[in-house]
């Protein structure tokens, strides 16, 4: 048995009465943690990720979730046979006869009952009867920060074994939902069409970059000498490395703009973070003992006990 297969609620770590939002949050958290691309050395990550997607596919659909809670379908979405009665309970109860607690079953009632018992949709609806439309399938795709900024095409494997090529528009945001037409679940019956695949993008955080609107920020470690005397250095951006000039006298938190290096028409801002040398620097210590700054702000001004 694969991880979490028995109970989709247990797979996502939620309870039966939890809200749709709670289920969505739990799914996104687990999808990020167990995505195979983020766990290349874990041979079981792909199976866990598949089970997480299958559980979310069931619980994110209110109709299927309700049917699972009522015991009408199992954790894989397969129809369960009616419990407590067999076909013999209805045999011989002709048209208009009283059966099963006093209710009269006509021929169409029996057809509907046994159709559901063997996984056939009774008529149209989202599952689709003749000419019906299949259900939409919901997925989460985890992408890297730079991949989201630059855009591209990702080939992803679905829980049912199919693969899809997902086009990421440049600058796609975390939580954005891409609709892939006719890539959802197949409809049932002649002339039925498939539903859509709804792919929610989950952007993984970057070790150095962060996003504010269409701007990208980078905390850049610099030496004390570079901030005091100025320097020209090479820095990374989402669109490649560039040369950056640090003006003399730049302090902690100084923002320097790299025009057009953000998302779309946005910019990249480099935030200077001076790093003091480790260990003893005799020359620096001797200088500081005799140095009286012209501007000496109190770095702890406004710091209160409460």
C-alpha atoms as a PDB file:
ATOM      1  CA  UNK A   1       0.000   0.000   0.000  1.00  0.00           C
ATOM      2  CA  UNK A   2       1.362   3.388  -0.921  1.00  0.00           C
ATOM      3  CA  UNK A   3       1.754   6.150   1.637  1.00  0.00           C
ATOM      4  CA  UNK A   4      -1.595   7.527   2.846  1.00  0.00           C
ATOM      5  CA  UNK A   5      -3.644   5.439   0.375  1.00  0.00           C
ATOM      6  CA  UNK A   6      -6.276   4.292   2.871  1.00  0.00           C
ATOM      7  CA  UNK A   7      -7.634   7.686   3.878  1.00  0.00           C
ATOM      8  CA  UNK A   8      -7.178  10.939   1.930  1.00  0.00           C
ATOM      9  CA  UNK A   9      -7.779  12.927   5.128  1.00  0.00           C
ATOM     10  CA  UNK A  10      -4.879  11.139   6.819  1.00  0.00           C
ATOM     11  CA  UNK A  11      -2.730  11.670   3.729  1.00  0.00           C
ATOM     12  CA  UNK A  12      -3.168  15.443   3.936  1.00  0.00           C
ATOM     13  CA  UNK A  13      -3.179  15.518   7.729  1.00  0.00           C
ATOM     14  CA  UNK A  14      -6.630  17.139   7.995  1.00  0.00           C
ATOM     15  CA  UNK A  15      -9.929  16.213   9.631  1.00  0.00           C
ATOM     16  CA  UNK A  16     -13.269  15.444   7.988  1.00  0.00           C
ATOM     17  CA  UNK A  17     -14.849  18.665   9.210  1.00  0.00           C
ATOM     18  CA  UNK A  18     -12.014  20.935   8.035  1.00  0.00           C
ATOM     19  CA  UNK A  19     -12.757  23.701   5.546  1.00  0.00           C
ATOM     20  CA  UNK A  20     -11.777  23.698   1.882  1.00  0.00           C
ATOM     21  CA  UNK A  21      -9.207  26.396   2.656  1.00  0.00           C
ATOM     22  CA  UNK A  22      -7.625  24.224   5.368  1.00  0.00           C
ATOM     23  CA  UNK A  23      -7.389  21.346   2.903  1.00  0.00           C
ATOM     24  CA  UNK A  24      -5.853  23.609   0.260  1.00  0.00           C
ATOM     25  CA  UNK A  25      -3.233  24.920   2.705  1.00  0.00           C
ATOM     26  CA  UNK A  26      -2.348  21.424   3.886  1.00  0.00           C
ATOM     27  CA  UNK A  27      -2.005  20.204   0.313  1.00  0.00           C
ATOM     28  CA  UNK A  28       0.251  23.070  -0.771  1.00  0.00           C
ATOM     29  CA  UNK A  29       2.497  22.565   2.249  1.00  0.00           C
ATOM     30  CA  UNK A  30       2.875  18.835   1.606  1.00  0.00           C
ATOM     31  CA  UNK A  31       3.280  19.280  -2.161  1.00  0.00           C
ATOM     32  CA  UNK A  32       6.204  21.627  -1.604  1.00  0.00           C
ATOM     33  CA  UNK A  33       7.808  19.325   0.967  1.00  0.00           C
ATOM     34  CA  UNK A  34       7.530  16.097  -1.031  1.00  0.00           C
ATOM     35  CA  UNK A  35       7.902  17.289  -4.636  1.00  0.00           C
ATOM     36  CA  UNK A  36      10.311  14.876  -6.400  1.00  0.00           C
ATOM     37  CA  UNK A  37      12.283  17.773  -7.923  1.00  0.00           C
ATOM     38  CA  UNK A  38      13.047  19.041  -4.415  1.00  0.00           C
ATOM     39  CA  UNK A  39      13.949  15.559  -3.114  1.00  0.00           C
ATOM     40  CA  UNK A  40      16.246  14.093  -5.778  1.00  0.00           C
ATOM     41  CA  UNK A  41      17.883  11.682  -3.305  1.00  0.00           C
ATOM     42  CA  UNK A  42      14.606  10.353  -1.871  1.00  0.00           C
ATOM     43  CA  UNK A  43      13.349   7.377  -3.885  1.00  0.00           C
ATOM     44  CA  UNK A  44       9.977   7.452  -2.116  1.00  0.00           C
ATOM     45  CA  UNK A  45       9.210  11.115  -2.813  1.00  0.00           C
ATOM     46  CA  UNK A  46       7.491  10.402  -6.142  1.00  0.00           C
ATOM     47  CA  UNK A  47       5.092   7.897  -4.546  1.00  0.00           C
ATOM     48  CA  UNK A  48       4.270  10.256  -1.674  1.00  0.00           C
ATOM     49  CA  UNK A  49       3.734  13.131  -4.092  1.00  0.00           C
ATOM     50  CA  UNK A  50       1.408  10.957  -6.167  1.00  0.00           C
ATOM     51  CA  UNK A  51      -0.657  10.043  -3.104  1.00  0.00           C
ATOM     52  CA  UNK A  52      -0.836  13.678  -1.979  1.00  0.00           C
ATOM     53  CA  UNK A  53      -2.153  14.709  -5.398  1.00  0.00           C
ATOM     54  CA  UNK A  54      -4.683  11.874  -5.443  1.00  0.00           C
ATOM     55  CA  UNK A  55      -5.967  12.807  -1.970  1.00  0.00           C
ATOM     56  CA  UNK A  56      -6.284  16.459  -2.925  1.00  0.00           C
ATOM     57  CA  UNK A  57      -7.997  15.583  -6.187  1.00  0.00           C
ATOM     58  CA  UNK A  58     -10.730  13.846  -4.206  1.00  0.00           C
ATOM     59  CA  UNK A  59     -11.107  16.251  -1.274  1.00  0.00           C
ATOM     60  CA  UNK A  60     -10.881  19.472  -3.310  1.00  0.00           C
ATOM     61  CA  UNK A  61     -14.022  18.470  -5.221  1.00  0.00           C
ATOM     62  CA  UNK A  62     -17.028  19.141  -2.898  1.00  0.00           C
ATOM     63  CA  UNK A  63     -19.225  16.588  -4.669  1.00  0.00           C
ATOM     64  CA  UNK A  64     -16.668  13.767  -4.561  1.00  0.00           C
ATOM     65  CA  UNK A  65     -15.687  14.619  -0.998  1.00  0.00           C
ATOM     66  CA  UNK A  66     -19.327  14.392   0.101  1.00  0.00           C
ATOM     67  CA  UNK A  67     -19.729  11.052  -1.652  1.00  0.00           C
ATOM     68  CA  UNK A  68     -16.578   9.730   0.020  1.00  0.00           C
ATOM     69  CA  UNK A  69     -17.802  10.908   3.425  1.00  0.00           C
ATOM     70  CA  UNK A  70     -21.099   9.097   2.823  1.00  0.00           C
ATOM     71  CA  UNK A  71     -19.231   5.910   1.875  1.00  0.00           C
ATOM     72  CA  UNK A  72     -20.443   5.942  -1.737  1.00  0.00           C
ATOM     73  CA  UNK A  73     -16.904   5.933  -3.192  1.00  0.00           C
ATOM     74  CA  UNK A  74     -13.567   4.733  -1.885  1.00  0.00           C
ATOM     75  CA  UNK A  75     -10.314   6.673  -1.457  1.00  0.00           C
ATOM     76  CA  UNK A  76      -9.465   6.125  -5.123  1.00  0.00           C
ATOM     77  CA  UNK A  77     -12.828   7.480  -6.244  1.00  0.00           C
ATOM     78  CA  UNK A  78     -14.201   4.094  -7.239  1.00  0.00           C
ATOM     79  CA  UNK A  79     -17.918   3.454  -6.750  1.00  0.00           C
ATOM     80  CA  UNK A  80     -18.806   1.218  -3.800  1.00  0.00           C
ATOM     81  CA  UNK A  81     -21.677  -1.255  -4.204  1.00  0.00           C
ATOM     82  CA  UNK A  82     -24.807  -0.492  -2.113  1.00  0.00           C
ATOM     83  CA  UNK A  83     -24.526  -1.936   1.392  1.00  0.00           C
ATOM     84  CA  UNK A  84     -27.112  -4.009   3.241  1.00  0.00           C
ATOM     85  CA  UNK A  85     -29.224  -5.108   0.225  1.00  0.00           C
ATOM     86  CA  UNK A  86     -28.647  -7.248  -2.823  1.00  0.00           C
ATOM     87  CA  UNK A  87     -30.471  -7.551  -6.117  1.00  0.00           C
ATOM     88  CA  UNK A  88     -32.632 -10.248  -4.539  1.00  0.00           C
ATOM     89  CA  UNK A  89     -34.210  -7.602  -2.311  1.00  0.00           C
ATOM     90  CA  UNK A  90     -35.749  -6.083  -5.401  1.00  0.00           C
ATOM     91  CA  UNK A  91     -36.440  -9.193  -7.498  1.00  0.00           C
ATOM     92  CA  UNK A  92     -40.096  -9.807  -8.186  1.00  0.00           C
ATOM     93  CA  UNK A  93     -41.206  -6.393  -6.920  1.00  0.00           C
ATOM     94  CA  UNK A  94     -42.992  -5.412 -10.108  1.00  0.00           C
ATOM     95  CA  UNK A  95     -43.897  -1.945 -11.238  1.00  0.00           C
ATOM     96  CA  UNK A  96     -45.594  -0.064  -8.446  1.00  0.00           C
ATOM     97  CA  UNK A  97     -44.770  -2.725  -5.848  1.00  0.00           C
ATOM     98  CA  UNK A  98     -43.589  -1.690  -2.376  1.00  0.00           C
ATOM     99  CA  UNK A  99     -40.032  -2.654  -1.567  1.00  0.00           C
ATOM    100  CA  UNK A 100     -36.990  -1.403   0.392  1.00  0.00           C
ATOM    101  CA  UNK A 101     -38.710   0.344   3.250  1.00  0.00           C
ATOM    102  CA  UNK A 102     -42.017   0.833   1.460  1.00  0.00           C
ATOM    103  CA  UNK A 103     -40.782   2.787  -1.561  1.00  0.00           C
ATOM    104  CA  UNK A 104     -42.059   1.762  -4.979  1.00  0.00           C
ATOM    105  CA  UNK A 105     -39.308   1.125  -7.559  1.00  0.00           C
ATOM    106  CA  UNK A 106     -40.099   1.484 -11.228  1.00  0.00           C
ATOM    107  CA  UNK A 107     -37.836   0.110 -13.947  1.00  0.00           C
ATOM    108  CA  UNK A 108     -35.983   3.411 -14.338  1.00  0.00           C
ATOM    109  CA  UNK A 109     -35.267   3.442 -10.562  1.00  0.00           C
ATOM    110  CA  UNK A 110     -33.556   0.069 -10.780  1.00  0.00           C
ATOM    111  CA  UNK A 111     -31.589   1.138 -13.829  1.00  0.00           C
ATOM    112  CA  UNK A 112     -30.396   4.215 -11.984  1.00  0.00           C
ATOM    113  CA  UNK A 113     -29.494   2.217  -8.865  1.00  0.00           C
ATOM    114  CA  UNK A 114     -27.453  -0.439 -10.630  1.00  0.00           C
ATOM    115  CA  UNK A 115     -25.931   2.099 -13.003  1.00  0.00           C
ATOM    116  CA  UNK A 116     -24.415   3.930 -10.019  1.00  0.00           C
ATOM    117  CA  UNK A 117     -23.363   0.667  -8.385  1.00  0.00           C
ATOM    118  CA  UNK A 118     -21.185  -0.190 -11.374  1.00  0.00           C
ATOM    119  CA  UNK A 119     -19.716   3.280 -11.907  1.00  0.00           C
ATOM    120  CA  UNK A 120     -22.000   4.564 -14.651  1.00  0.00           C
ATOM    121  CA  UNK A 121     -23.306   8.107 -14.480  1.00  0.00           C
ATOM    122  CA  UNK A 122     -27.087   8.431 -14.554  1.00  0.00           C
ATOM    123  CA  UNK A 123     -27.633  11.063 -17.192  1.00  0.00           C
ATOM    124  CA  UNK A 124     -25.557  14.188 -17.819  1.00  0.00           C
ATOM    125  CA  UNK A 125     -23.856  16.378 -15.265  1.00  0.00           C
ATOM    126  CA  UNK A 126     -20.180  17.056 -14.691  1.00  0.00           C
ATOM    127  CA  UNK A 127     -19.241  13.389 -14.771  1.00  0.00           C
ATOM    128  CA  UNK A 128     -21.026  13.269 -18.075  1.00  0.00           C
ATOM    129  CA  UNK A 129     -23.611  10.864 -19.300  1.00  0.00           C
ATOM    130  CA  UNK A 130     -24.167  10.737 -23.032  1.00  0.00           C
ATOM    131  CA  UNK A 131     -22.412  13.791 -24.365  1.00  0.00           C
ATOM    132  CA  UNK A 132     -21.494  14.923 -20.809  1.00  0.00           C
ATOM    133  CA  UNK A 133     -18.375  16.757 -19.740  1.00  0.00           C
ATOM    134  CA  UNK A 134     -15.690  15.235 -17.519  1.00  0.00           C
ATOM    135  CA  UNK A 135     -14.681  16.786 -14.225  1.00  0.00           C
ATOM    136  CA  UNK A 136     -11.917  19.331 -13.919  1.00  0.00           C
ATOM    137  CA  UNK A 137      -8.742  17.944 -12.345  1.00  0.00           C
ATOM    138  CA  UNK A 138      -6.829  20.041  -9.811  1.00  0.00           C
ATOM    139  CA  UNK A 139      -3.047  19.922  -9.457  1.00  0.00           C
ATOM    140  CA  UNK A 140      -0.259  21.930  -7.835  1.00  0.00           C
ATOM    141  CA  UNK A 141       3.001  22.495  -9.695  1.00  0.00           C
ATOM    142  CA  UNK A 142       6.032  23.545  -7.651  1.00  0.00           C
ATOM    143  CA  UNK A 143       8.472  25.697  -9.608  1.00  0.00           C
ATOM    144  CA  UNK A 144      11.684  27.465  -8.689  1.00  0.00           C
ATOM    145  CA  UNK A 145      11.813  31.212  -8.095  1.00  0.00           C
ATOM    146  CA  UNK A 146      13.929  31.944 -11.169  1.00  0.00           C
ATOM    147  CA  UNK A 147      11.868  29.582 -13.314  1.00  0.00           C
ATOM    148  CA  UNK A 148       8.752  31.559 -12.366  1.00  0.00           C
ATOM    149  CA  UNK A 149      10.458  34.851 -13.208  1.00  0.00           C
ATOM    150  CA  UNK A 150      11.806  33.703 -16.550  1.00  0.00           C
ATOM    151  CA  UNK A 151       8.947  31.442 -17.639  1.00  0.00           C
ATOM    152  CA  UNK A 152       9.321  28.300 -19.676  1.00  0.00           C
ATOM    153  CA  UNK A 153       7.781  24.891 -20.309  1.00  0.00           C
ATOM    154  CA  UNK A 154       7.607  22.125 -17.713  1.00  0.00           C
ATOM    155  CA  UNK A 155       6.723  18.520 -18.533  1.00  0.00           C
ATOM    156  CA  UNK A 156       4.924  17.062 -15.546  1.00  0.00           C
ATOM    157  CA  UNK A 157       3.749  13.536 -14.736  1.00  0.00           C
ATOM    158  CA  UNK A 158       0.148  13.205 -13.538  1.00  0.00           C
ATOM    159  CA  UNK A 159      -1.087  10.651 -10.991  1.00  0.00           C
ATOM    160  CA  UNK A 160      -2.849   8.710 -13.753  1.00  0.00           C
ATOM    161  CA  UNK A 161       0.415   8.227 -15.654  1.00  0.00           C
ATOM    162  CA  UNK A 162      -0.153  10.867 -18.331  1.00  0.00           C
ATOM    163  CA  UNK A 163       2.289  13.713 -18.959  1.00  0.00           C
ATOM    164  CA  UNK A 164       1.454  17.328 -19.681  1.00  0.00           C
ATOM    165  CA  UNK A 165       3.547  20.187 -21.021  1.00  0.00           C
ATOM    166  CA  UNK A 166       2.739  23.215 -18.857  1.00  0.00           C
ATOM    167  CA  UNK A 167       3.726  26.613 -20.251  1.00  0.00           C
ATOM    168  CA  UNK A 168       4.752  29.020 -17.510  1.00  0.00           C
ATOM    169  CA  UNK A 169       4.257  32.654 -18.515  1.00  0.00           C
ATOM    170  CA  UNK A 170       7.195  34.877 -17.484  1.00  0.00           C
ATOM    171  CA  UNK A 171       6.592  36.410 -14.079  1.00  0.00           C
ATOM    172  CA  UNK A 172       3.933  33.893 -12.986  1.00  0.00           C
ATOM    173  CA  UNK A 173       3.020  34.446  -9.329  1.00  0.00           C
ATOM    174  CA  UNK A 174       2.637  32.053  -6.438  1.00  0.00           C
ATOM    175  CA  UNK A 175      -0.956  30.813  -6.286  1.00  0.00           C
ATOM    176  CA  UNK A 176      -1.719  31.577  -9.955  1.00  0.00           C
ATOM    177  CA  UNK A 177      -3.941  28.935 -11.580  1.00  0.00           C
ATOM    178  CA  UNK A 178      -3.320  27.852 -15.165  1.00  0.00           C
ATOM    179  CA  UNK A 179      -6.235  26.259 -17.032  1.00  0.00           C
ATOM    180  CA  UNK A 180      -5.321  23.544 -19.537  1.00  0.00           C
ATOM    181  CA  UNK A 181      -8.321  22.918 -21.757  1.00  0.00           C
ATOM    182  CA  UNK A 182      -9.572  19.333 -22.155  1.00  0.00           C
ATOM    183  CA  UNK A 183      -6.757  17.904 -20.027  1.00  0.00           C
ATOM    184  CA  UNK A 184      -8.904  16.925 -17.031  1.00  0.00           C
ATOM    185  CA  UNK A 185     -10.893  13.758 -16.413  1.00  0.00           C
ATOM    186  CA  UNK A 186     -12.558  12.047 -19.340  1.00  0.00           C
ATOM    187  CA  UNK A 187     -16.292  12.382 -19.768  1.00  0.00           C
ATOM    188  CA  UNK A 188     -18.538   9.353 -19.993  1.00  0.00           C
ATOM    189  CA  UNK A 189     -20.806   8.365 -22.797  1.00  0.00           C
ATOM    190  CA  UNK A 190     -20.777   8.920 -26.525  1.00  0.00           C
ATOM    191  CA  UNK A 191     -19.652  12.375 -27.538  1.00  0.00           C
ATOM    192  CA  UNK A 192     -18.402  13.243 -24.039  1.00  0.00           C
ATOM    193  CA  UNK A 193     -15.576  15.751 -23.693  1.00  0.00           C
ATOM    194  CA  UNK A 194     -12.865  15.901 -21.063  1.00  0.00           C
ATOM    195  CA  UNK A 195     -12.791  18.488 -18.318  1.00  0.00           C
ATOM    196  CA  UNK A 196      -9.950  20.932 -17.821  1.00  0.00           C
ATOM    197  CA  UNK A 197      -6.773  20.614 -15.783  1.00  0.00           C
ATOM    198  CA  UNK A 198      -6.412  23.434 -13.249  1.00  0.00           C
ATOM    199  CA  UNK A 199      -2.763  23.795 -12.295  1.00  0.00           C
ATOM    200  CA  UNK A 200      -2.001  25.979  -9.293  1.00  0.00           C
ATOM    201  CA  UNK A 201       1.536  27.347  -9.312  1.00  0.00           C
ATOM    202  CA  UNK A 202       3.521  27.110  -6.097  1.00  0.00           C
ATOM    203  CA  UNK A 203       6.706  29.200  -6.287  1.00  0.00           C
ATOM    204  CA  UNK A 204       9.482  27.928  -4.042  1.00  0.00           C
ATOM    205  CA  UNK A 205      11.440  30.576  -2.109  1.00  0.00           C
ATOM    206  CA  UNK A 206      14.931  31.454  -3.319  1.00  0.00           C
ATOM    207  CA  UNK A 207      17.977  31.429  -1.093  1.00  0.00           C
ATOM    208  CA  UNK A 208      18.870  35.032  -1.990  1.00  0.00           C
ATOM    209  CA  UNK A 209      16.181  36.691  -4.120  1.00  0.00           C
ATOM    210  CA  UNK A 210      12.738  37.792  -2.980  1.00  0.00           C
ATOM    211  CA  UNK A 211       9.921  39.475  -4.849  1.00  0.00           C
ATOM    212  CA  UNK A 212       7.977  42.654  -4.112  1.00  0.00           C
ATOM    213  CA  UNK A 213       5.401  43.205  -6.849  1.00  0.00           C
ATOM    214  CA  UNK A 214       7.390  43.256 -10.085  1.00  0.00           C
ATOM    215  CA  UNK A 215      10.619  44.190  -8.298  1.00  0.00           C
ATOM    216  CA  UNK A 216      13.220  41.725  -7.098  1.00  0.00           C
ATOM    217  CA  UNK A 217      15.306  42.350  -3.998  1.00  0.00           C
ATOM    218  CA  UNK A 218      18.731  40.931  -3.212  1.00  0.00           C
ATOM    219  CA  UNK A 219      20.505  41.296   0.120  1.00  0.00           C
ATOM    220  CA  UNK A 220      24.134  41.676  -0.915  1.00  0.00           C
ATOM    221  CA  UNK A 221      26.972  41.020   1.539  1.00  0.00           C
ATOM    222  CA  UNK A 222      29.759  43.599   1.095  1.00  0.00           C
ATOM    223  CA  UNK A 223      32.973  44.335   2.937  1.00  0.00           C
ATOM    224  CA  UNK A 224      33.477  47.314   5.197  1.00  0.00           C
ATOM    225  CA  UNK A 225      36.065  48.648   2.768  1.00  0.00           C
ATOM    226  CA  UNK A 226      33.628  48.442  -0.171  1.00  0.00           C
ATOM    227  CA  UNK A 227      30.963  50.421   1.689  1.00  0.00           C
ATOM    228  CA  UNK A 228      33.355  53.088   2.940  1.00  0.00           C
ATOM    229  CA  UNK A 229      35.518  53.607  -0.147  1.00  0.00           C
ATOM    230  CA  UNK A 230      33.116  52.401  -2.833  1.00  0.00           C
ATOM    231  CA  UNK A 231      33.726  49.659  -5.378  1.00  0.00           C
ATOM    232  CA  UNK A 232      32.570  48.101  -8.631  1.00  0.00           C
ATOM    233  CA  UNK A 233      31.551  44.481  -8.217  1.00  0.00           C
ATOM    234  CA  UNK A 234      29.663  41.754 -10.071  1.00  0.00           C
ATOM    235  CA  UNK A 235      26.245  40.757  -8.724  1.00  0.00           C
ATOM    236  CA  UNK A 236      23.693  38.118  -9.751  1.00  0.00           C
ATOM    237  CA  UNK A 237      20.266  39.011 -11.130  1.00  0.00           C
ATOM    238  CA  UNK A 238      17.332  36.931 -12.354  1.00  0.00           C
ATOM    239  CA  UNK A 239      18.480  37.771 -15.889  1.00  0.00           C
ATOM    240  CA  UNK A 240      22.203  37.164 -15.530  1.00  0.00           C
ATOM    241  CA  UNK A 241      25.142  38.738 -13.745  1.00  0.00           C
ATOM    242  CA  UNK A 242      25.893  42.469 -14.114  1.00  0.00           C
ATOM    243  CA  UNK A 243      28.416  45.016 -12.836  1.00  0.00           C
ATOM    244  CA  UNK A 244      27.278  47.243  -9.968  1.00  0.00           C
ATOM    245  CA  UNK A 245      28.948  50.399  -8.680  1.00  0.00           C
ATOM    246  CA  UNK A 246      28.783  50.957  -4.929  1.00  0.00           C
ATOM    247  CA  UNK A 247      29.108  54.673  -4.106  1.00  0.00           C
ATOM    248  CA  UNK A 248      31.582  55.625  -1.360  1.00  0.00           C
ATOM    249  CA  UNK A 249      30.008  56.055   2.060  1.00  0.00           C
ATOM    250  CA  UNK A 250      27.178  53.591   1.487  1.00  0.00           C
ATOM    251  CA  UNK A 251      25.698  52.314   4.723  1.00  0.00           C
ATOM    252  CA  UNK A 252      23.798  49.276   5.859  1.00  0.00           C
ATOM    253  CA  UNK A 253      20.455  49.009   4.061  1.00  0.00           C
ATOM    254  CA  UNK A 254      21.420  51.231   1.126  1.00  0.00           C
ATOM    255  CA  UNK A 255      19.351  50.267  -1.928  1.00  0.00           C
ATOM    256  CA  UNK A 256      20.914  50.378  -5.360  1.00  0.00           C
ATOM    257  CA  UNK A 257      18.682  49.956  -8.410  1.00  0.00           C
ATOM    258  CA  UNK A 258      19.408  47.789 -11.422  1.00  0.00           C
ATOM    259  CA  UNK A 259      16.938  49.050 -14.011  1.00  0.00           C
ATOM    260  CA  UNK A 260      14.858  46.486 -15.894  1.00  0.00           C
ATOM    261  CA  UNK A 261      16.302  43.522 -14.010  1.00  0.00           C
ATOM    262  CA  UNK A 262      13.082  42.618 -12.230  1.00  0.00           C
ATOM    263  CA  UNK A 263       9.904  40.913 -13.431  1.00  0.00           C
ATOM    264  CA  UNK A 264       8.647  42.347 -16.712  1.00  0.00           C
ATOM    265  CA  UNK A 265       9.226  46.103 -16.480  1.00  0.00           C
ATOM    266  CA  UNK A 266      10.241  45.856 -12.823  1.00  0.00           C
ATOM    267  CA  UNK A 267      13.695  46.472 -11.396  1.00  0.00           C
ATOM    268  CA  UNK A 268      16.117  44.691  -9.107  1.00  0.00           C
ATOM    269  CA  UNK A 269      17.157  46.420  -5.918  1.00  0.00           C
ATOM    270  CA  UNK A 270      20.415  45.462  -4.249  1.00  0.00           C
ATOM    271  CA  UNK A 271      20.311  46.010  -0.479  1.00  0.00           C
ATOM    272  CA  UNK A 272      23.799  46.390   0.991  1.00  0.00           C
ATOM    273  CA  UNK A 273      24.614  44.310   4.064  1.00  0.00           C
ATOM    274  CA  UNK A 274      28.166  45.112   5.294  1.00  0.00           C
ATOM    275  CA  UNK A 275      30.019  42.179   6.821  1.00  0.00           C
ATOM    276  CA  UNK A 276      32.699  42.838   9.420  1.00  0.00           C
ATOM    277  CA  UNK A 277      35.886  40.779   9.292  1.00  0.00           C
ATOM    278  CA  UNK A 278      36.110  37.850  11.667  1.00  0.00           C
ATOM    279  CA  UNK A 279      38.940  37.709  14.150  1.00  0.00           C
ATOM    280  CA  UNK A 280      41.317  40.461  15.225  1.00  0.00           C
ATOM    281  CA  UNK A 281      42.353  43.140  12.722  1.00  0.00           C
ATOM    282  CA  UNK A 282      45.126  45.091  14.531  1.00  0.00           C
ATOM    283  CA  UNK A 283      45.285  47.935  12.002  1.00  0.00           C
ATOM    284  CA  UNK A 284      41.520  48.424  12.044  1.00  0.00           C
ATOM    285  CA  UNK A 285      41.415  48.298  15.830  1.00  0.00           C
ATOM    286  CA  UNK A 286      44.210  50.891  16.113  1.00  0.00           C
ATOM    287  CA  UNK A 287      42.429  53.173  13.663  1.00  0.00           C
ATOM    288  CA  UNK A 288      39.103  52.959  15.510  1.00  0.00           C
ATOM    289  CA  UNK A 289      40.706  53.771  18.857  1.00  0.00           C
ATOM    290  CA  UNK A 290      41.911  57.125  17.509  1.00  0.00           C
ATOM    291  CA  UNK A 291      38.947  57.803  15.212  1.00  0.00           C
ATOM    292  CA  UNK A 292      36.224  60.309  16.044  1.00  0.00           C
ATOM    293  CA  UNK A 293      33.445  60.229  13.424  1.00  0.00           C
ATOM    294  CA  UNK A 294      32.035  63.540  12.191  1.00  0.00           C
ATOM    295  CA  UNK A 295      28.532  62.064  12.243  1.00  0.00           C
ATOM    296  CA  UNK A 296      27.969  59.680  15.123  1.00  0.00           C
ATOM    297  CA  UNK A 297      24.352  58.506  15.240  1.00  0.00           C
ATOM    298  CA  UNK A 298      23.237  56.334  18.129  1.00  0.00           C
ATOM    299  CA  UNK A 299      22.583  52.899  16.562  1.00  0.00           C
ATOM    300  CA  UNK A 300      20.391  51.980  19.531  1.00  0.00           C
ATOM    301  CA  UNK A 301      18.256  55.107  19.551  1.00  0.00           C
ATOM    302  CA  UNK A 302      14.626  54.262  20.157  1.00  0.00           C
ATOM    303  CA  UNK A 303      15.434  50.848  21.594  1.00  0.00           C
ATOM    304  CA  UNK A 304      13.161  50.422  24.605  1.00  0.00           C
ATOM    305  CA  UNK A 305      12.761  47.798  27.307  1.00  0.00           C
ATOM    306  CA  UNK A 306       9.125  47.127  26.449  1.00  0.00           C
END
